Amino acid sequence: MYALETLTVDRARARLADAACREVFDYWDRLRGERAAPDRRELEPFDIAPALGDMVLLETAGDDAVFRLAGSRLTLALGRELRGGHLSSLWQEPDQRRLHELLRLACTLPAGVFMDFDMRTVSGRNLDFECVLLPLQLDGPVIRRLIGAVAPVQRPYWLGTDPLEGFALRKAAFFPTRSDALLASRQFRSHPVFDRATPRRTLRHLALYDGDLA
C-alpha cells in the first residue's frame, strides 16, 4: 500500500532516521535561510564531508532527473555507477510515475521530497532505505537542481557485497519550502497519478492507496 503525505519542513526533518540524510537536510536548511531554496553555487560539499558517501546531486530533465553526483557508498551498494543515469531507472512502474509527480512538485512549488522504500538484493535480502531530495536554485528562481541523500535505515554487514535491485516505493511525502506554497500543493490531488483510485483511508494529511495503483 502506497501513501503520499504533505508535511511541514520541521515535520519532514523529524522523519529522517539516517544521519547522512539529516546532515544534508540541515546543511541545505542553513544555506537557504528565509528563502525557498539556496543557490547551487553556494554548495561546498566538504562542509558535509561525513555525508558525501550517501549524497546525490540531480539535474532535472523533463519529468525526470539525472544524476550529476552519487556518493561512493550508494554506488557500492547498488553495484554500478549512477552518474549520468536517470533517477527513475531505479524504479519500476507504477513507482516511476509517482516519482515523476514528486519531482514535478519539488520543482514547481518548490518542495522537498521524502521517500521511504524497500530494496531487494540479488540474493533475496530486503533492506529499508530512505531518500530526501531538496530544491536548489540556479540562475533565477526556477528549480533545476536537487541535492539529497539516499541511505539505508540500518547498515548490515553485507551492504556493498550483495548488489541491490528491485526498488519498491512504500510511502512518500513532500514539504513546500515557501510559506505560501502549502495551499498550492493541494493541486497534486487533481493529477491523474493519484486520481486513478480512491484512497482506501484518509487521515489528516495522509492518503492511503492500494499497492497496485497504476
N, C-alpha and C. Protein backbone atom coordinates (compact mmCIF):
# COMPACT_ATOMS: atom_id res chain seq x y z
N MET A 1 0.84 -1.19 0.00
CA MET A 1 0.00 0.00 0.00
C MET A 1 0.88 1.25 0.00
N TYR A 2 0.69 2.10 -0.99
CA TYR A 2 1.48 3.32 -1.13
C TYR A 2 0.76 4.49 -0.47
N ALA A 3 1.52 5.36 0.20
CA ALA A 3 0.94 6.52 0.86
C ALA A 3 1.72 7.77 0.48
N LEU A 4 1.00 8.86 0.23
CA LEU A 4 1.60 10.16 -0.05
C LEU A 4 1.11 11.14 1.00
N GLU A 5 2.01 11.91 1.56
CA GLU A 5 1.69 12.80 2.67
C GLU A 5 2.26 14.19 2.42
N THR A 6 1.58 15.20 2.95
CA THR A 6 2.07 16.57 2.93
C THR A 6 2.59 16.92 4.32
N LEU A 7 3.81 17.44 4.40
CA LEU A 7 4.43 17.77 5.68
C LEU A 7 4.89 19.21 5.69
N THR A 8 5.16 19.73 6.88
CA THR A 8 5.91 20.97 7.01
C THR A 8 7.40 20.62 6.97
N VAL A 9 8.24 21.63 6.80
CA VAL A 9 9.68 21.40 6.78
C VAL A 9 10.14 20.78 8.09
N ASP A 10 9.66 21.29 9.21
CA ASP A 10 10.08 20.77 10.51
C ASP A 10 9.66 19.32 10.71
N ARG A 11 8.45 18.99 10.30
CA ARG A 11 7.99 17.61 10.45
C ARG A 11 8.76 16.67 9.54
N ALA A 12 9.13 17.17 8.36
CA ALA A 12 9.94 16.34 7.46
C ALA A 12 11.29 16.03 8.08
N ARG A 13 11.91 17.03 8.69
CA ARG A 13 13.21 16.82 9.35
C ARG A 13 13.11 15.77 10.43
N ALA A 14 12.01 15.78 11.17
CA ALA A 14 11.83 14.82 12.26
C ALA A 14 11.65 13.39 11.76
N ARG A 15 11.26 13.22 10.50
CA ARG A 15 11.07 11.88 9.93
C ARG A 15 12.38 11.17 9.60
N LEU A 16 13.44 11.93 9.40
CA LEU A 16 14.67 11.34 8.88
C LEU A 16 15.35 10.47 9.93
N ALA A 17 15.60 9.22 9.58
CA ALA A 17 16.22 8.28 10.50
C ALA A 17 17.72 8.19 10.32
N ASP A 18 18.21 8.43 9.10
CA ASP A 18 19.64 8.26 8.80
C ASP A 18 20.41 9.54 9.05
N ALA A 19 21.61 9.40 9.61
CA ALA A 19 22.44 10.56 9.96
C ALA A 19 22.84 11.35 8.72
N ALA A 20 23.17 10.68 7.61
CA ALA A 20 23.57 11.39 6.40
C ALA A 20 22.42 12.21 5.83
N CYS A 21 21.22 11.64 5.83
CA CYS A 21 20.05 12.38 5.35
C CYS A 21 19.80 13.61 6.22
N ARG A 22 19.94 13.45 7.53
CA ARG A 22 19.75 14.60 8.43
C ARG A 22 20.82 15.66 8.20
N GLU A 23 22.06 15.24 7.98
CA GLU A 23 23.14 16.20 7.79
C GLU A 23 22.95 17.01 6.51
N VAL A 24 22.59 16.34 5.42
CA VAL A 24 22.34 17.05 4.17
C VAL A 24 21.16 18.00 4.32
N PHE A 25 20.11 17.54 4.98
CA PHE A 25 18.93 18.38 5.21
C PHE A 25 19.30 19.62 6.00
N ASP A 26 20.03 19.45 7.10
CA ASP A 26 20.38 20.59 7.96
C ASP A 26 21.29 21.58 7.22
N TYR A 27 22.20 21.07 6.42
CA TYR A 27 23.09 21.94 5.65
C TYR A 27 22.28 22.77 4.65
N TRP A 28 21.40 22.11 3.91
CA TRP A 28 20.52 22.81 2.96
C TRP A 28 19.68 23.87 3.68
N ASP A 29 19.14 23.53 4.84
CA ASP A 29 18.27 24.45 5.59
C ASP A 29 19.06 25.68 6.06
N ARG A 30 20.30 25.46 6.50
CA ARG A 30 21.13 26.60 6.92
C ARG A 30 21.45 27.51 5.73
N LEU A 31 21.76 26.92 4.60
CA LEU A 31 22.10 27.72 3.43
C LEU A 31 20.94 28.57 2.94
N ARG A 32 19.75 28.03 2.96
CA ARG A 32 18.62 28.74 2.36
C ARG A 32 18.14 29.89 3.23
N GLY A 33 18.31 29.80 4.56
CA GLY A 33 17.83 30.86 5.43
C GLY A 33 16.33 31.03 5.31
N GLU A 34 15.89 32.23 4.89
CA GLU A 34 14.46 32.50 4.73
C GLU A 34 13.98 32.26 3.30
N ARG A 35 14.85 31.79 2.44
CA ARG A 35 14.47 31.56 1.04
C ARG A 35 13.82 30.19 0.86
N ALA A 36 13.17 30.03 -0.27
CA ALA A 36 12.58 28.73 -0.58
C ALA A 36 13.64 27.69 -0.88
N ALA A 37 14.79 28.13 -1.42
CA ALA A 37 15.88 27.21 -1.77
C ALA A 37 17.18 27.99 -1.88
N PRO A 38 18.30 27.39 -1.51
CA PRO A 38 19.60 28.04 -1.72
C PRO A 38 20.02 27.95 -3.18
N ASP A 39 21.06 28.69 -3.53
CA ASP A 39 21.61 28.63 -4.87
C ASP A 39 22.61 27.49 -4.97
N ARG A 40 22.60 26.81 -6.09
CA ARG A 40 23.52 25.68 -6.31
C ARG A 40 24.97 26.08 -6.08
N ARG A 41 25.33 27.30 -6.45
CA ARG A 41 26.72 27.74 -6.35
C ARG A 41 27.17 28.01 -4.92
N GLU A 42 26.23 28.00 -3.99
CA GLU A 42 26.59 28.17 -2.58
C GLU A 42 27.10 26.88 -1.95
N LEU A 43 26.89 25.77 -2.60
CA LEU A 43 27.26 24.49 -2.01
C LEU A 43 28.77 24.34 -1.91
N GLU A 44 29.21 23.88 -0.76
CA GLU A 44 30.60 23.49 -0.54
C GLU A 44 30.56 22.07 0.01
N PRO A 45 30.64 21.07 -0.85
CA PRO A 45 30.42 19.69 -0.41
C PRO A 45 31.25 19.27 0.79
N PHE A 46 32.47 19.79 0.92
CA PHE A 46 33.30 19.35 2.04
C PHE A 46 32.79 19.88 3.38
N ASP A 47 31.81 20.79 3.34
CA ASP A 47 31.16 21.23 4.58
C ASP A 47 30.34 20.10 5.19
N ILE A 48 29.98 19.12 4.38
CA ILE A 48 29.22 17.97 4.88
C ILE A 48 29.95 16.68 4.50
N ALA A 49 31.25 16.67 4.73
CA ALA A 49 32.10 15.55 4.33
C ALA A 49 31.60 14.19 4.81
N PRO A 50 31.12 14.05 6.08
CA PRO A 50 30.68 12.72 6.52
C PRO A 50 29.50 12.16 5.72
N ALA A 51 28.73 13.04 5.07
CA ALA A 51 27.55 12.58 4.33
C ALA A 51 27.82 12.36 2.85
N LEU A 52 29.02 12.67 2.38
CA LEU A 52 29.28 12.63 0.94
C LEU A 52 29.07 11.25 0.33
N GLY A 53 29.32 10.20 1.09
CA GLY A 53 29.16 8.85 0.56
C GLY A 53 27.74 8.49 0.21
N ASP A 54 26.77 9.20 0.80
CA ASP A 54 25.35 8.93 0.54
C ASP A 54 24.67 10.06 -0.22
N MET A 55 25.41 11.12 -0.55
CA MET A 55 24.81 12.31 -1.14
C MET A 55 24.59 12.15 -2.63
N VAL A 56 23.56 12.82 -3.13
CA VAL A 56 23.30 12.87 -4.57
C VAL A 56 23.06 14.32 -4.98
N LEU A 57 23.48 14.65 -6.19
CA LEU A 57 23.13 15.91 -6.85
C LEU A 57 22.44 15.54 -8.15
N LEU A 58 21.27 16.12 -8.38
CA LEU A 58 20.46 15.78 -9.54
C LEU A 58 20.19 17.02 -10.38
N GLU A 59 20.10 16.83 -11.68
CA GLU A 59 19.67 17.88 -12.61
C GLU A 59 18.34 17.46 -13.21
N THR A 60 17.36 18.35 -13.15
CA THR A 60 16.05 18.00 -13.69
C THR A 60 16.14 17.85 -15.21
N ALA A 61 15.36 16.89 -15.72
CA ALA A 61 15.34 16.60 -17.15
C ALA A 61 13.91 16.21 -17.51
N GLY A 62 13.09 17.21 -17.90
CA GLY A 62 11.69 16.95 -18.15
C GLY A 62 11.00 16.57 -16.85
N ASP A 63 10.33 15.43 -16.84
CA ASP A 63 9.68 14.98 -15.61
C ASP A 63 10.56 14.00 -14.84
N ASP A 64 11.83 13.92 -15.20
CA ASP A 64 12.77 13.03 -14.54
C ASP A 64 13.95 13.85 -14.02
N ALA A 65 14.96 13.18 -13.53
CA ALA A 65 16.18 13.85 -13.06
C ALA A 65 17.37 12.95 -13.36
N VAL A 66 18.51 13.58 -13.64
CA VAL A 66 19.74 12.88 -14.00
C VAL A 66 20.75 13.04 -12.87
N PHE A 67 21.43 11.96 -12.53
CA PHE A 67 22.48 12.01 -11.52
C PHE A 67 23.67 12.80 -12.04
N ARG A 68 24.05 13.86 -11.33
CA ARG A 68 25.29 14.57 -11.60
C ARG A 68 26.37 14.16 -10.61
N LEU A 69 25.96 13.67 -9.47
CA LEU A 69 26.88 13.15 -8.46
C LEU A 69 26.14 12.10 -7.66
N ALA A 70 26.81 11.02 -7.35
CA ALA A 70 26.26 9.97 -6.48
C ALA A 70 27.37 9.48 -5.58
N GLY A 71 27.12 9.45 -4.30
CA GLY A 71 28.13 9.09 -3.32
C GLY A 71 28.66 7.67 -3.48
N SER A 72 29.87 7.46 -2.98
CA SER A 72 30.53 6.16 -3.16
C SER A 72 29.82 5.04 -2.41
N ARG A 73 29.26 5.32 -1.24
CA ARG A 73 28.55 4.26 -0.51
C ARG A 73 27.31 3.82 -1.26
N LEU A 74 26.63 4.79 -1.88
CA LEU A 74 25.43 4.45 -2.65
C LEU A 74 25.77 3.63 -3.88
N THR A 75 26.77 4.04 -4.63
CA THR A 75 27.13 3.29 -5.84
C THR A 75 27.68 1.91 -5.51
N LEU A 76 28.38 1.79 -4.38
CA LEU A 76 28.87 0.48 -3.96
C LEU A 76 27.71 -0.43 -3.60
N ALA A 77 26.71 0.11 -2.90
CA ALA A 77 25.55 -0.69 -2.51
C ALA A 77 24.78 -1.17 -3.73
N LEU A 78 24.71 -0.31 -4.76
CA LEU A 78 23.97 -0.68 -5.96
C LEU A 78 24.79 -1.53 -6.92
N GLY A 79 26.09 -1.49 -6.75
CA GLY A 79 26.95 -2.28 -7.62
C GLY A 79 27.10 -1.72 -9.02
N ARG A 80 26.86 -0.40 -9.18
CA ARG A 80 27.01 0.21 -10.50
C ARG A 80 27.15 1.72 -10.37
N GLU A 81 27.70 2.33 -11.40
CA GLU A 81 27.85 3.78 -11.44
C GLU A 81 26.51 4.43 -11.80
N LEU A 82 26.18 5.52 -11.11
CA LEU A 82 24.91 6.20 -11.34
C LEU A 82 25.06 7.49 -12.14
N ARG A 83 26.22 8.10 -12.12
CA ARG A 83 26.42 9.39 -12.77
C ARG A 83 25.98 9.34 -14.24
N GLY A 84 25.11 10.30 -14.62
CA GLY A 84 24.60 10.35 -15.97
C GLY A 84 23.33 9.55 -16.19
N GLY A 85 22.97 8.70 -15.23
CA GLY A 85 21.76 7.90 -15.36
C GLY A 85 20.54 8.62 -14.82
N HIS A 86 19.36 8.13 -15.16
CA HIS A 86 18.11 8.74 -14.72
C HIS A 86 17.67 8.17 -13.38
N LEU A 87 17.18 9.04 -12.53
CA LEU A 87 16.70 8.62 -11.21
C LEU A 87 15.60 7.58 -11.34
N SER A 88 14.68 7.77 -12.28
CA SER A 88 13.54 6.86 -12.40
C SER A 88 13.96 5.45 -12.81
N SER A 89 15.18 5.29 -13.33
CA SER A 89 15.62 3.96 -13.76
C SER A 89 15.78 3.00 -12.58
N LEU A 90 15.81 3.55 -11.37
CA LEU A 90 15.95 2.71 -10.19
C LEU A 90 14.63 2.07 -9.77
N TRP A 91 13.52 2.51 -10.36
CA TRP A 91 12.20 2.01 -10.00
C TRP A 91 11.51 1.40 -11.21
N GLN A 92 10.45 0.64 -10.91
CA GLN A 92 9.58 0.08 -11.93
C GLN A 92 8.24 0.83 -11.90
N GLU A 93 7.41 0.60 -12.91
CA GLU A 93 6.05 1.11 -12.87
C GLU A 93 5.28 0.38 -11.77
N PRO A 94 4.33 1.04 -11.05
CA PRO A 94 3.89 2.42 -11.22
C PRO A 94 4.73 3.43 -10.44
N ASP A 95 5.78 2.96 -9.76
CA ASP A 95 6.58 3.88 -8.95
C ASP A 95 7.26 4.97 -9.78
N GLN A 96 7.57 4.68 -11.04
CA GLN A 96 8.18 5.70 -11.89
C GLN A 96 7.26 6.91 -12.05
N ARG A 97 5.97 6.68 -12.26
CA ARG A 97 5.03 7.79 -12.41
C ARG A 97 4.87 8.55 -11.11
N ARG A 98 4.89 7.84 -10.01
CA ARG A 98 4.82 8.51 -8.71
C ARG A 98 6.05 9.39 -8.50
N LEU A 99 7.21 8.88 -8.88
CA LEU A 99 8.44 9.65 -8.75
C LEU A 99 8.40 10.89 -9.64
N HIS A 100 7.91 10.77 -10.86
CA HIS A 100 7.81 11.91 -11.76
C HIS A 100 6.94 13.01 -11.15
N GLU A 101 5.85 12.61 -10.52
CA GLU A 101 4.98 13.61 -9.89
C GLU A 101 5.65 14.28 -8.70
N LEU A 102 6.39 13.52 -7.91
CA LEU A 102 7.12 14.10 -6.79
C LEU A 102 8.17 15.10 -7.28
N LEU A 103 8.85 14.78 -8.37
CA LEU A 103 9.84 15.70 -8.93
C LEU A 103 9.16 16.97 -9.45
N ARG A 104 7.98 16.82 -10.04
CA ARG A 104 7.25 17.99 -10.51
C ARG A 104 6.91 18.91 -9.34
N LEU A 105 6.46 18.33 -8.24
CA LEU A 105 6.14 19.13 -7.06
C LEU A 105 7.39 19.81 -6.52
N ALA A 106 8.51 19.08 -6.50
CA ALA A 106 9.76 19.65 -5.98
C ALA A 106 10.17 20.88 -6.76
N CYS A 107 9.95 20.87 -8.07
CA CYS A 107 10.42 21.96 -8.92
C CYS A 107 9.43 23.10 -9.05
N THR A 108 8.14 22.83 -8.94
CA THR A 108 7.15 23.87 -9.20
C THR A 108 6.70 24.59 -7.94
N LEU A 109 6.65 23.92 -6.79
CA LEU A 109 6.14 24.61 -5.60
C LEU A 109 7.07 25.69 -5.05
N PRO A 110 8.32 25.53 -4.80
CA PRO A 110 9.11 24.30 -4.77
C PRO A 110 8.87 23.54 -3.46
N ALA A 111 9.39 22.33 -3.41
CA ALA A 111 9.19 21.48 -2.24
C ALA A 111 10.35 20.51 -2.10
N GLY A 112 10.57 20.08 -0.88
CA GLY A 112 11.44 18.95 -0.64
C GLY A 112 10.64 17.66 -0.73
N VAL A 113 11.32 16.56 -0.94
CA VAL A 113 10.68 15.26 -1.10
C VAL A 113 11.33 14.26 -0.16
N PHE A 114 10.50 13.48 0.52
CA PHE A 114 10.97 12.38 1.36
C PHE A 114 10.38 11.09 0.82
N MET A 115 11.20 10.06 0.69
CA MET A 115 10.72 8.75 0.23
C MET A 115 11.23 7.65 1.14
N ASP A 116 10.36 6.72 1.40
CA ASP A 116 10.69 5.52 2.19
C ASP A 116 10.41 4.33 1.28
N PHE A 117 11.42 3.49 1.05
CA PHE A 117 11.23 2.41 0.09
C PHE A 117 12.02 1.17 0.49
N ASP A 118 11.61 0.05 -0.08
CA ASP A 118 12.28 -1.23 0.13
C ASP A 118 13.23 -1.48 -1.03
N MET A 119 14.35 -2.09 -0.70
CA MET A 119 15.27 -2.57 -1.73
C MET A 119 15.50 -4.06 -1.51
N ARG A 120 15.52 -4.79 -2.59
CA ARG A 120 15.79 -6.22 -2.54
C ARG A 120 17.14 -6.47 -3.19
N THR A 121 17.92 -7.34 -2.57
CA THR A 121 19.24 -7.65 -3.12
C THR A 121 19.13 -8.79 -4.14
N VAL A 122 20.21 -8.98 -4.87
CA VAL A 122 20.26 -10.05 -5.86
C VAL A 122 20.00 -11.41 -5.22
N SER A 123 20.47 -11.59 -3.99
CA SER A 123 20.30 -12.89 -3.31
C SER A 123 18.97 -13.00 -2.56
N GLY A 124 18.13 -11.94 -2.61
CA GLY A 124 16.82 -12.02 -1.99
C GLY A 124 16.67 -11.35 -0.65
N ARG A 125 17.72 -10.71 -0.14
CA ARG A 125 17.59 -9.97 1.11
C ARG A 125 16.79 -8.69 0.88
N ASN A 126 16.16 -8.19 1.96
CA ASN A 126 15.41 -6.94 1.90
C ASN A 126 16.03 -5.91 2.83
N LEU A 127 15.97 -4.64 2.43
CA LEU A 127 16.57 -3.58 3.22
C LEU A 127 15.74 -2.31 3.06
N ASP A 128 15.46 -1.64 4.18
CA ASP A 128 14.73 -0.38 4.16
C ASP A 128 15.67 0.78 3.86
N PHE A 129 15.27 1.64 2.94
CA PHE A 129 16.03 2.84 2.58
C PHE A 129 15.15 4.07 2.74
N GLU A 130 15.81 5.22 2.93
CA GLU A 130 15.11 6.49 2.86
C GLU A 130 15.88 7.43 1.95
N CYS A 131 15.15 8.38 1.40
CA CYS A 131 15.74 9.36 0.48
C CYS A 131 15.13 10.71 0.76
N VAL A 132 15.94 11.74 0.78
CA VAL A 132 15.45 13.11 0.86
C VAL A 132 16.04 13.89 -0.32
N LEU A 133 15.21 14.64 -1.02
CA LEU A 133 15.62 15.47 -2.15
C LEU A 133 15.16 16.90 -1.88
N LEU A 134 16.06 17.86 -2.09
CA LEU A 134 15.82 19.24 -1.68
C LEU A 134 16.13 20.19 -2.84
N PRO A 135 15.29 21.21 -3.05
CA PRO A 135 15.44 22.07 -4.23
C PRO A 135 16.62 23.03 -4.13
N LEU A 136 17.21 23.28 -5.29
CA LEU A 136 18.29 24.26 -5.42
C LEU A 136 17.97 25.19 -6.59
N GLN A 137 18.22 26.47 -6.40
CA GLN A 137 18.07 27.43 -7.49
C GLN A 137 19.36 27.51 -8.29
N LEU A 138 19.23 27.96 -9.54
CA LEU A 138 20.40 28.20 -10.38
C LEU A 138 20.01 29.22 -11.43
N ASP A 139 20.66 30.40 -11.38
CA ASP A 139 20.36 31.48 -12.34
C ASP A 139 18.89 31.87 -12.31
N GLY A 140 18.38 32.15 -11.13
CA GLY A 140 16.99 32.58 -11.02
C GLY A 140 16.16 31.64 -10.17
N PRO A 141 14.86 31.92 -10.07
CA PRO A 141 14.00 31.16 -9.16
C PRO A 141 13.63 29.77 -9.64
N VAL A 142 13.86 29.46 -10.91
CA VAL A 142 13.47 28.15 -11.43
C VAL A 142 14.34 27.06 -10.81
N ILE A 143 13.71 25.99 -10.35
CA ILE A 143 14.43 24.88 -9.73
C ILE A 143 14.89 23.91 -10.82
N ARG A 144 16.20 23.80 -10.98
CA ARG A 144 16.76 22.89 -11.98
C ARG A 144 17.71 21.86 -11.35
N ARG A 145 18.00 22.01 -10.08
CA ARG A 145 18.90 21.10 -9.39
C ARG A 145 18.27 20.67 -8.08
N LEU A 146 18.66 19.48 -7.64
CA LEU A 146 18.23 18.95 -6.35
C LEU A 146 19.44 18.36 -5.65
N ILE A 147 19.53 18.60 -4.35
CA ILE A 147 20.54 17.95 -3.53
C ILE A 147 19.82 17.01 -2.58
N GLY A 148 20.45 15.90 -2.25
CA GLY A 148 19.79 14.98 -1.34
C GLY A 148 20.72 13.88 -0.88
N ALA A 149 20.11 12.88 -0.28
CA ALA A 149 20.85 11.71 0.19
C ALA A 149 19.94 10.49 0.07
N VAL A 150 20.56 9.36 -0.22
CA VAL A 150 19.87 8.07 -0.28
C VAL A 150 20.65 7.12 0.61
N ALA A 151 20.00 6.58 1.63
CA ALA A 151 20.75 5.78 2.61
C ALA A 151 19.85 4.73 3.25
N PRO A 152 20.44 3.61 3.66
CA PRO A 152 19.68 2.59 4.38
C PRO A 152 19.38 3.04 5.80
N VAL A 153 18.23 2.65 6.30
CA VAL A 153 17.87 2.98 7.68
C VAL A 153 18.81 2.26 8.64
N GLN A 154 19.24 1.06 8.29
CA GLN A 154 20.26 0.32 9.02
C GLN A 154 21.32 -0.13 8.02
N ARG A 155 22.53 -0.34 8.52
CA ARG A 155 23.65 -0.71 7.64
C ARG A 155 24.17 -2.11 8.02
N PRO A 156 23.61 -3.15 7.41
CA PRO A 156 24.05 -4.51 7.74
C PRO A 156 25.48 -4.76 7.24
N TYR A 157 26.09 -5.77 7.79
CA TYR A 157 27.49 -6.06 7.48
C TYR A 157 27.69 -6.39 6.01
N TRP A 158 26.66 -6.92 5.35
CA TRP A 158 26.80 -7.36 3.96
C TRP A 158 26.55 -6.25 2.94
N LEU A 159 26.18 -5.07 3.40
CA LEU A 159 25.88 -3.98 2.47
C LEU A 159 27.11 -3.66 1.62
N GLY A 160 26.94 -3.65 0.32
CA GLY A 160 28.05 -3.41 -0.60
C GLY A 160 28.61 -4.68 -1.21
N THR A 161 28.26 -5.83 -0.63
CA THR A 161 28.72 -7.11 -1.18
C THR A 161 27.61 -7.87 -1.89
N ASP A 162 26.37 -7.46 -1.66
CA ASP A 162 25.21 -8.10 -2.28
C ASP A 162 24.43 -7.00 -3.02
N PRO A 163 24.65 -6.83 -4.33
CA PRO A 163 24.07 -5.70 -5.07
C PRO A 163 22.56 -5.60 -4.90
N LEU A 164 22.09 -4.36 -4.86
CA LEU A 164 20.68 -4.08 -4.66
C LEU A 164 19.95 -3.97 -5.98
N GLU A 165 18.69 -4.41 -5.98
CA GLU A 165 17.81 -4.28 -7.14
C GLU A 165 16.38 -4.31 -6.63
N GLY A 166 15.43 -4.13 -7.50
CA GLY A 166 14.03 -4.28 -7.11
C GLY A 166 13.54 -3.24 -6.12
N PHE A 167 13.72 -1.94 -6.43
CA PHE A 167 13.24 -0.88 -5.56
C PHE A 167 11.71 -0.87 -5.54
N ALA A 168 11.13 -0.64 -4.36
CA ALA A 168 9.67 -0.56 -4.22
C ALA A 168 9.33 0.59 -3.29
N LEU A 169 8.68 1.62 -3.83
CA LEU A 169 8.32 2.80 -3.05
C LEU A 169 7.17 2.47 -2.11
N ARG A 170 7.38 2.69 -0.83
CA ARG A 170 6.38 2.36 0.18
C ARG A 170 5.55 3.57 0.58
N LYS A 171 6.21 4.68 0.85
CA LYS A 171 5.49 5.90 1.18
C LYS A 171 6.37 7.09 0.82
N ALA A 172 5.72 8.23 0.63
CA ALA A 172 6.43 9.44 0.24
C ALA A 172 5.73 10.64 0.85
N ALA A 173 6.48 11.73 0.94
CA ALA A 173 5.92 12.98 1.43
C ALA A 173 6.61 14.12 0.70
N PHE A 174 5.91 15.22 0.57
CA PHE A 174 6.54 16.44 0.06
C PHE A 174 6.26 17.56 1.05
N PHE A 175 7.19 18.49 1.13
CA PHE A 175 7.06 19.59 2.09
C PHE A 175 7.42 20.90 1.40
N PRO A 176 6.42 21.73 1.10
CA PRO A 176 6.67 23.01 0.45
C PRO A 176 7.65 23.85 1.26
N THR A 177 8.56 24.51 0.57
CA THR A 177 9.60 25.28 1.25
C THR A 177 9.31 26.78 1.25
N ARG A 178 8.20 27.19 0.64
CA ARG A 178 7.70 28.56 0.76
C ARG A 178 6.43 28.53 1.57
N SER A 179 6.23 29.51 2.42
CA SER A 179 5.06 29.51 3.29
C SER A 179 3.76 29.58 2.50
N ASP A 180 3.76 30.23 1.33
CA ASP A 180 2.54 30.35 0.54
C ASP A 180 2.34 29.17 -0.40
N ALA A 181 3.26 28.22 -0.38
CA ALA A 181 3.17 27.10 -1.32
C ALA A 181 2.32 25.96 -0.78
N LEU A 182 2.04 25.94 0.52
CA LEU A 182 1.29 24.82 1.09
C LEU A 182 -0.10 24.74 0.49
N LEU A 183 -0.75 25.90 0.31
CA LEU A 183 -2.08 25.89 -0.30
C LEU A 183 -2.00 25.41 -1.74
N ALA A 184 -1.01 25.89 -2.48
CA ALA A 184 -0.86 25.48 -3.87
C ALA A 184 -0.57 23.99 -3.99
N SER A 185 0.01 23.41 -2.95
CA SER A 185 0.37 21.99 -3.01
C SER A 185 -0.84 21.09 -3.12
N ARG A 186 -2.02 21.60 -2.79
CA ARG A 186 -3.23 20.78 -2.90
C ARG A 186 -3.51 20.40 -4.35
N GLN A 187 -2.85 21.09 -5.31
CA GLN A 187 -3.07 20.78 -6.71
C GLN A 187 -2.70 19.35 -7.06
N PHE A 188 -1.84 18.74 -6.26
CA PHE A 188 -1.43 17.38 -6.60
C PHE A 188 -2.59 16.41 -6.60
N ARG A 189 -3.66 16.73 -5.89
CA ARG A 189 -4.79 15.81 -5.79
C ARG A 189 -5.51 15.65 -7.12
N SER A 190 -5.35 16.63 -8.04
CA SER A 190 -6.03 16.55 -9.32
C SER A 190 -5.20 15.84 -10.39
N HIS A 191 -4.01 15.41 -10.03
CA HIS A 191 -3.14 14.77 -11.02
C HIS A 191 -3.61 13.34 -11.25
N PRO A 192 -3.62 12.87 -12.51
CA PRO A 192 -4.14 11.53 -12.80
C PRO A 192 -3.42 10.41 -12.08
N VAL A 193 -2.17 10.60 -11.70
CA VAL A 193 -1.46 9.54 -10.97
C VAL A 193 -2.19 9.19 -9.69
N PHE A 194 -2.79 10.22 -9.07
CA PHE A 194 -3.45 9.99 -7.79
C PHE A 194 -4.96 9.88 -7.92
N ASP A 195 -5.51 10.19 -9.12
CA ASP A 195 -6.94 10.15 -9.31
C ASP A 195 -7.43 8.81 -9.83
N ARG A 196 -6.52 7.91 -10.17
CA ARG A 196 -6.96 6.64 -10.76
C ARG A 196 -7.62 5.73 -9.73
N ALA A 197 -7.41 6.01 -8.46
CA ALA A 197 -8.02 5.18 -7.43
C ALA A 197 -8.44 6.07 -6.27
N THR A 198 -9.50 5.67 -5.60
CA THR A 198 -9.95 6.39 -4.41
C THR A 198 -9.16 5.89 -3.22
N PRO A 199 -8.65 6.79 -2.37
CA PRO A 199 -7.92 6.33 -1.20
C PRO A 199 -8.78 5.41 -0.35
N ARG A 200 -8.19 4.34 0.12
CA ARG A 200 -8.92 3.43 0.99
C ARG A 200 -9.19 4.06 2.34
N ARG A 201 -8.30 4.97 2.73
CA ARG A 201 -8.45 5.60 4.04
C ARG A 201 -7.72 6.93 4.02
N THR A 202 -8.30 7.95 4.62
CA THR A 202 -7.68 9.27 4.69
C THR A 202 -7.58 9.71 6.13
N LEU A 203 -6.38 10.08 6.54
CA LEU A 203 -6.13 10.54 7.90
C LEU A 203 -5.38 11.86 7.84
N ARG A 204 -6.08 12.93 8.13
CA ARG A 204 -5.49 14.26 8.15
C ARG A 204 -4.75 14.54 6.84
N HIS A 205 -3.39 14.57 6.85
CA HIS A 205 -2.63 14.86 5.63
C HIS A 205 -2.18 13.60 4.91
N LEU A 206 -2.78 12.45 5.23
CA LEU A 206 -2.30 11.18 4.70
C LEU A 206 -3.38 10.52 3.86
N ALA A 207 -3.03 10.06 2.67
CA ALA A 207 -3.96 9.32 1.81
C ALA A 207 -3.34 7.97 1.50
N LEU A 208 -4.08 6.90 1.76
CA LEU A 208 -3.58 5.55 1.55
C LEU A 208 -4.24 4.95 0.31
N TYR A 209 -3.41 4.36 -0.55
CA TYR A 209 -3.88 3.76 -1.78
C TYR A 209 -3.50 2.29 -1.80
N ASP A 210 -4.24 1.50 -2.59
CA ASP A 210 -3.85 0.11 -2.80
C ASP A 210 -2.49 0.06 -3.47
N GLY A 211 -1.73 -0.98 -3.15
CA GLY A 211 -0.38 -1.09 -3.68
C GLY A 211 -0.32 -1.29 -5.18
N ASP A 212 -1.43 -1.72 -5.82
CA ASP A 212 -1.38 -1.96 -7.26
C ASP A 212 -1.89 -0.78 -8.06
N LEU A 213 -1.92 0.40 -7.48
CA LEU A 213 -2.33 1.60 -8.21
C LEU A 213 -1.46 1.78 -9.44
N ALA A 214 -2.10 1.96 -10.60
CA ALA A 214 -1.35 2.09 -11.86
C ALA A 214 -1.54 3.47 -12.47
